[in-house]
């Protein structure tokens, strides 16, 4: 019942959003996952020892000793691990890691239970339990410690200029207004103003198997200017156009076209916003 209900909800989302847009290579037979994906294939067991360490053999031992094969969640964790090692579920093969995250979480339950069982057997096994626990969590600790080193890991998402112009843009636009921008993954228009754009980040569209190339071509034509640009701007019901560094560098935006035809309503050091009226 649960599986059927979940599948029904997924289909209601999938059909209107992805029907006719998903290209080939979305689902395929890929045994070994990334162990066999490089130029030099790696032994499957060595690959998983390097990635999960002693957790995998210990969780499998715990699965048996704790009789977790009677637990649907633990069985699901093992099943997900097996399936993600046999099939590629999205165009970007690395995205199988999202499934392994759930597998890890579900297999952690019997592993934790077995550690607790060992802990109760005396001082020597208590020391062994602490050692096993430390070994299985050390990589996570190191990763979290690295992330706290903000002097090395800090990255700017938006500048003060982008935050300021986004706030002004929200004041003069409506949520339903469509804006012509580049597909930059952290572009301030969709991320800070919440306004609709024509083409989202191509890298994400590709990982979901969406054939974005026809829309990408239309965006390039619109930025190029000319009669075909005007036709597409009208067809896509574009209300605003943003010209900034990414639009110029990656889409060769012809700003003279927009400057000569449309009103410039916002301007900052790096960005200009034009109101498109056709």
Protein backbone atom coordinates (compact mmCIF):
# COMPACT_ATOMS: atom_id res chain seq x y z
CA UNK A 1 0.00 0.00 0.00
CA UNK A 2 2.80 2.38 0.90
CA UNK A 3 4.72 1.65 -2.32
CA UNK A 4 1.61 2.11 -4.45
CA UNK A 5 0.76 5.43 -2.75
CA UNK A 6 4.31 6.73 -3.20
CA UNK A 7 4.37 5.65 -6.85
CA UNK A 8 1.07 7.43 -7.49
CA UNK A 9 2.38 10.71 -6.06
CA UNK A 10 5.60 10.39 -8.08
CA UNK A 11 3.65 9.79 -11.31
CA UNK A 12 1.51 12.88 -10.69
CA UNK A 13 4.73 14.92 -10.54
CA UNK A 14 6.61 13.06 -13.24
CA UNK A 15 3.99 13.12 -16.00
CA UNK A 16 3.39 16.91 -16.27
CA UNK A 17 7.00 17.92 -15.55
CA UNK A 18 9.04 15.33 -17.44
CA UNK A 19 6.76 13.76 -20.03
CA UNK A 20 8.37 14.24 -23.44
CA UNK A 21 11.41 15.98 -21.97
CA UNK A 22 13.50 13.12 -20.59
CA UNK A 23 16.16 11.92 -23.01
CA UNK A 24 17.92 8.58 -23.33
CA UNK A 25 20.41 7.15 -20.88
CA UNK A 26 18.27 7.86 -17.85
CA UNK A 27 18.21 4.25 -16.65
CA UNK A 28 20.73 1.60 -17.63
CA UNK A 29 22.49 -1.61 -16.57
CA UNK A 30 25.80 -0.54 -14.93
CA UNK A 31 27.13 -3.28 -12.61
CA UNK A 32 29.89 -2.16 -10.29
CA UNK A 33 28.86 1.51 -10.14
CA UNK A 34 31.97 3.75 -10.08
CA UNK A 35 34.32 0.83 -9.41
CA UNK A 36 34.10 0.00 -13.12
CA UNK A 37 33.56 3.53 -14.41
CA UNK A 38 37.15 4.80 -14.56
CA UNK A 39 39.86 4.22 -17.11
CA UNK A 40 41.27 1.47 -14.90
CA UNK A 41 38.50 -0.69 -13.37
CA UNK A 42 38.90 -1.30 -9.64
CA UNK A 43 38.18 -4.50 -7.77
CA UNK A 44 34.65 -4.24 -6.42
CA UNK A 45 35.53 -5.23 -2.84
CA UNK A 46 38.54 -2.90 -2.72
CA UNK A 47 36.40 -0.07 -4.03
CA UNK A 48 33.84 -0.44 -1.26
CA UNK A 49 36.48 -0.92 1.43
CA UNK A 50 38.04 2.38 0.35
CA UNK A 51 34.64 4.11 0.43
CA UNK A 52 32.89 2.54 3.43
CA UNK A 53 35.77 0.97 5.31
CA UNK A 54 34.88 -1.61 7.95
CA UNK A 55 31.28 -0.37 8.07
CA UNK A 56 30.14 -2.57 5.19
CA UNK A 57 31.47 -5.93 6.46
CA UNK A 58 30.48 -5.02 10.03
CA UNK A 59 26.94 -4.02 9.01
CA UNK A 60 26.55 -7.26 7.02
CA UNK A 61 27.72 -9.25 10.06
CA UNK A 62 25.31 -7.27 12.24
CA UNK A 63 22.54 -7.86 9.71
CA UNK A 64 22.92 -11.60 10.28
CA UNK A 65 23.70 -11.65 14.00
CA UNK A 66 20.85 -9.24 14.86
CA UNK A 67 18.48 -11.17 12.58
CA UNK A 68 17.79 -7.92 10.75
CA UNK A 69 16.55 -9.94 7.79
CA UNK A 70 13.24 -9.87 9.68
CA UNK A 71 13.24 -6.06 9.62
CA UNK A 72 11.80 -4.55 6.38
CA UNK A 73 13.84 -1.35 6.77
CA UNK A 74 17.14 -3.20 7.12
CA UNK A 75 16.25 -5.45 4.18
CA UNK A 76 15.42 -2.31 2.17
CA UNK A 77 18.87 -0.89 2.95
CA UNK A 78 20.52 -4.03 1.62
CA UNK A 79 18.26 -4.10 -1.44
CA UNK A 80 19.02 -0.44 -2.26
CA UNK A 81 22.75 -1.15 -1.95
CA UNK A 82 22.46 -4.07 -4.38
CA UNK A 83 20.30 -2.24 -6.92
CA UNK A 84 22.49 0.89 -6.93
CA UNK A 85 25.49 -1.33 -7.64
CA UNK A 86 23.73 -2.90 -10.62
CA UNK A 87 21.80 -0.06 -12.27
CA UNK A 88 22.41 3.57 -13.17
CA UNK A 89 19.32 5.51 -12.14
CA UNK A 90 20.11 8.95 -13.61
CA UNK A 91 22.27 10.27 -16.48
CA UNK A 92 24.96 11.40 -14.01
CA UNK A 93 26.19 8.08 -12.61
CA UNK A 94 27.53 9.73 -9.45
CA UNK A 95 23.91 10.49 -8.45
CA UNK A 96 23.56 6.86 -7.37
CA UNK A 97 25.38 8.09 -4.26
CA UNK A 98 22.05 9.56 -3.12
CA UNK A 99 20.68 6.03 -2.96
CA UNK A 100 23.75 4.77 -1.11
CA UNK A 101 23.14 7.46 1.51
CA UNK A 102 19.78 5.85 2.32
CA UNK A 103 21.34 2.40 2.23
CA UNK A 104 24.00 3.52 4.70
CA UNK A 105 21.38 5.02 7.00
CA UNK A 106 19.21 1.89 7.01
CA UNK A 107 22.16 -0.47 7.53
CA UNK A 108 23.43 1.70 10.38
CA UNK A 109 20.49 0.47 12.52
CA UNK A 110 21.58 -3.18 12.81
CA UNK A 111 25.24 -2.06 13.04
CA UNK A 112 24.39 0.18 16.00
CA UNK A 113 22.34 -2.56 17.66
CA UNK A 114 25.18 -5.04 17.33
CA UNK A 115 27.68 -2.52 18.75
CA UNK A 116 25.40 -2.08 21.77
CA UNK A 117 25.23 -5.86 22.17
CA UNK A 118 29.04 -6.18 22.10
CA UNK A 119 29.35 -3.29 24.58
CA UNK A 120 27.45 -5.24 27.23
CA UNK A 121 29.91 -8.17 27.24
CA UNK A 122 32.74 -6.84 29.41
CA UNK A 123 35.53 -4.27 29.59
CA UNK A 124 37.66 -5.77 26.81
CA UNK A 125 34.78 -5.76 24.37
CA UNK A 126 33.86 -2.24 25.50
CA UNK A 127 37.29 -1.09 24.35
CA UNK A 128 36.81 -2.97 21.07
CA UNK A 129 33.40 -1.32 20.62
CA UNK A 130 34.88 2.15 21.07
CA UNK A 131 37.63 1.32 18.56
CA UNK A 132 35.18 -0.03 15.94
CA UNK A 133 32.89 2.97 16.42
CA UNK A 134 35.81 5.40 16.05
CA UNK A 135 37.04 3.68 12.88
CA UNK A 136 33.55 3.72 11.31
CA UNK A 137 32.94 7.42 12.07
CA UNK A 138 36.44 8.89 11.64
CA UNK A 139 35.97 9.93 8.00
CA UNK A 140 32.73 11.75 8.85
CA UNK A 141 34.45 13.52 11.73
CA UNK A 142 37.31 14.60 9.48
CA UNK A 143 34.89 15.90 6.86
CA UNK A 144 32.93 17.93 9.42
CA UNK A 145 36.18 19.27 10.86
CA UNK A 146 37.27 20.36 7.38
CA UNK A 147 33.99 22.21 6.88
CA UNK A 148 34.53 24.18 10.09
CA UNK A 149 37.75 25.55 8.59
CA UNK A 150 35.96 28.42 6.91
CA UNK A 151 39.27 30.11 6.08
CA UNK A 152 39.80 27.27 3.57
CA UNK A 153 36.25 26.27 2.61
CA UNK A 154 34.44 29.61 2.44
CA UNK A 155 32.78 30.39 -0.89
CA UNK A 156 30.76 33.45 -1.86
CA UNK A 157 27.27 32.69 -3.18
CA UNK A 158 26.07 36.25 -3.86
CA UNK A 159 27.69 39.66 -3.66
CA UNK A 160 26.19 42.64 -1.84
CA UNK A 161 25.50 44.11 -5.29
CA UNK A 162 23.44 41.06 -6.28
CA UNK A 163 21.51 41.05 -3.01
CA UNK A 164 20.71 44.74 -3.42
CA UNK A 165 19.54 44.56 -7.04
CA UNK A 166 17.50 41.42 -6.28
CA UNK A 167 15.64 43.27 -3.52
CA UNK A 168 14.88 46.18 -5.86
CA UNK A 169 13.79 43.78 -8.60
CA UNK A 170 11.31 42.10 -6.26
CA UNK A 171 9.70 45.47 -5.63
CA UNK A 172 9.06 46.24 -9.31
CA UNK A 173 8.15 42.75 -10.56
CA UNK A 174 5.49 40.13 -9.90
CA UNK A 175 6.02 36.43 -9.10
CA UNK A 176 4.44 35.49 -12.43
CA UNK A 177 6.77 37.68 -14.49
CA UNK A 178 9.17 35.73 -16.71
CA UNK A 179 12.76 36.97 -16.90
CA UNK A 180 15.40 36.24 -19.51
CA UNK A 181 18.70 35.38 -17.79
CA UNK A 182 21.63 33.04 -18.13
CA UNK A 183 21.39 29.59 -16.55
CA UNK A 184 23.99 30.33 -13.86
CA UNK A 185 23.29 27.97 -10.96
CA UNK A 186 23.20 30.73 -8.33
CA UNK A 187 21.76 33.53 -10.44
CA UNK A 188 20.19 36.16 -8.23
CA UNK A 189 16.92 36.38 -10.21
CA UNK A 190 15.51 32.92 -9.37
CA UNK A 191 17.51 32.46 -6.16
CA UNK A 192 16.97 35.82 -4.44
CA UNK A 193 14.00 37.45 -6.15
CA UNK A 194 12.00 34.25 -6.67
CA UNK A 195 11.01 35.25 -10.19
CA UNK A 196 10.56 32.76 -13.03
CA UNK A 197 13.27 32.30 -15.64
CA UNK A 198 13.22 30.46 -18.96
CA UNK A 199 16.13 28.05 -18.51
CA UNK A 200 17.42 26.77 -15.18
CA UNK A 201 20.94 25.51 -14.61
CA UNK A 202 21.81 23.16 -17.47
CA UNK A 203 23.95 20.94 -15.26
CA UNK A 204 20.95 20.11 -13.07
CA UNK A 205 18.63 19.70 -16.04
CA UNK A 206 21.06 17.17 -17.51
CA UNK A 207 21.27 15.14 -14.29
CA UNK A 208 17.48 14.78 -14.38
CA UNK A 209 17.59 13.60 -17.98
CA UNK A 210 15.77 16.66 -19.33
CA UNK A 211 16.42 17.57 -22.96
CA UNK A 212 17.04 21.30 -22.46
CA UNK A 213 18.87 21.94 -25.76
CA UNK A 214 15.89 23.39 -27.74
CA UNK A 215 15.20 25.89 -24.95
CA UNK A 216 18.89 26.68 -24.62
CA UNK A 217 19.03 27.48 -28.32
CA UNK A 218 16.00 29.78 -27.99
CA UNK A 219 17.65 31.62 -25.09
CA UNK A 220 20.77 32.18 -27.18
CA UNK A 221 18.67 33.52 -30.06
CA UNK A 222 16.82 35.89 -27.74
CA UNK A 223 20.09 37.25 -26.34
CA UNK A 224 21.51 37.64 -29.86
CA UNK A 225 18.87 40.20 -30.89
CA UNK A 226 17.11 40.68 -34.22
CA UNK A 227 13.63 39.81 -35.58
CA UNK A 228 13.82 36.18 -34.42
CA UNK A 229 14.75 37.37 -30.96
CA UNK A 230 11.67 39.59 -30.78
CA UNK A 231 9.45 36.75 -31.92
CA UNK A 232 10.78 34.42 -29.22
CA UNK A 233 10.62 37.07 -26.51
CA UNK A 234 6.94 37.46 -27.32
CA UNK A 235 6.37 33.70 -27.59
CA UNK A 236 7.93 33.05 -24.16
CA UNK A 237 6.07 36.05 -22.69
CA UNK A 238 9.30 37.57 -21.40
CA UNK A 239 8.67 40.56 -19.18
CA UNK A 240 12.24 41.43 -18.15
CA UNK A 241 15.75 40.76 -19.46
CA UNK A 242 18.90 40.81 -17.35
CA UNK A 243 22.30 41.55 -18.86
CA UNK A 244 25.29 40.77 -16.67
CA UNK A 245 28.71 39.07 -16.80
CA UNK A 246 27.35 35.55 -17.27
CA UNK A 247 24.84 36.59 -19.95
CA UNK A 248 27.63 38.30 -21.89
CA UNK A 249 30.33 35.66 -21.42
CA UNK A 250 28.24 32.50 -21.86
CA UNK A 251 25.37 33.66 -24.08
CA UNK A 252 27.04 36.51 -26.00
CA UNK A 253 24.19 38.84 -25.07
CA UNK A 254 23.77 41.72 -27.51
CA UNK A 255 23.15 44.52 -25.03
CA UNK A 256 22.86 47.16 -27.75
CA UNK A 257 19.74 45.35 -29.00
CA UNK A 258 18.07 45.59 -25.59
CA UNK A 259 19.32 49.10 -24.90
CA UNK A 260 17.93 50.44 -28.18
CA UNK A 261 14.47 48.85 -27.81
CA UNK A 262 13.59 48.52 -24.17
CA UNK A 263 13.55 50.67 -21.07
CA UNK A 264 16.37 50.13 -18.59
CA UNK A 265 14.71 50.01 -15.18
CA UNK A 266 17.59 48.87 -12.94
CA UNK A 267 21.34 49.22 -13.12
CA UNK A 268 24.29 48.32 -10.94
CA UNK A 269 28.00 47.98 -11.56
CA UNK A 270 27.67 44.53 -13.19
CA UNK A 271 23.98 44.22 -14.12
CA UNK A 272 21.31 45.97 -16.17
CA UNK A 273 17.63 45.04 -16.12
CA UNK A 274 15.41 45.90 -19.10
CA UNK A 275 11.61 45.89 -19.21
CA UNK A 276 10.56 43.96 -22.31
CA UNK A 277 7.41 45.33 -23.97
CA UNK A 278 6.39 43.85 -27.32
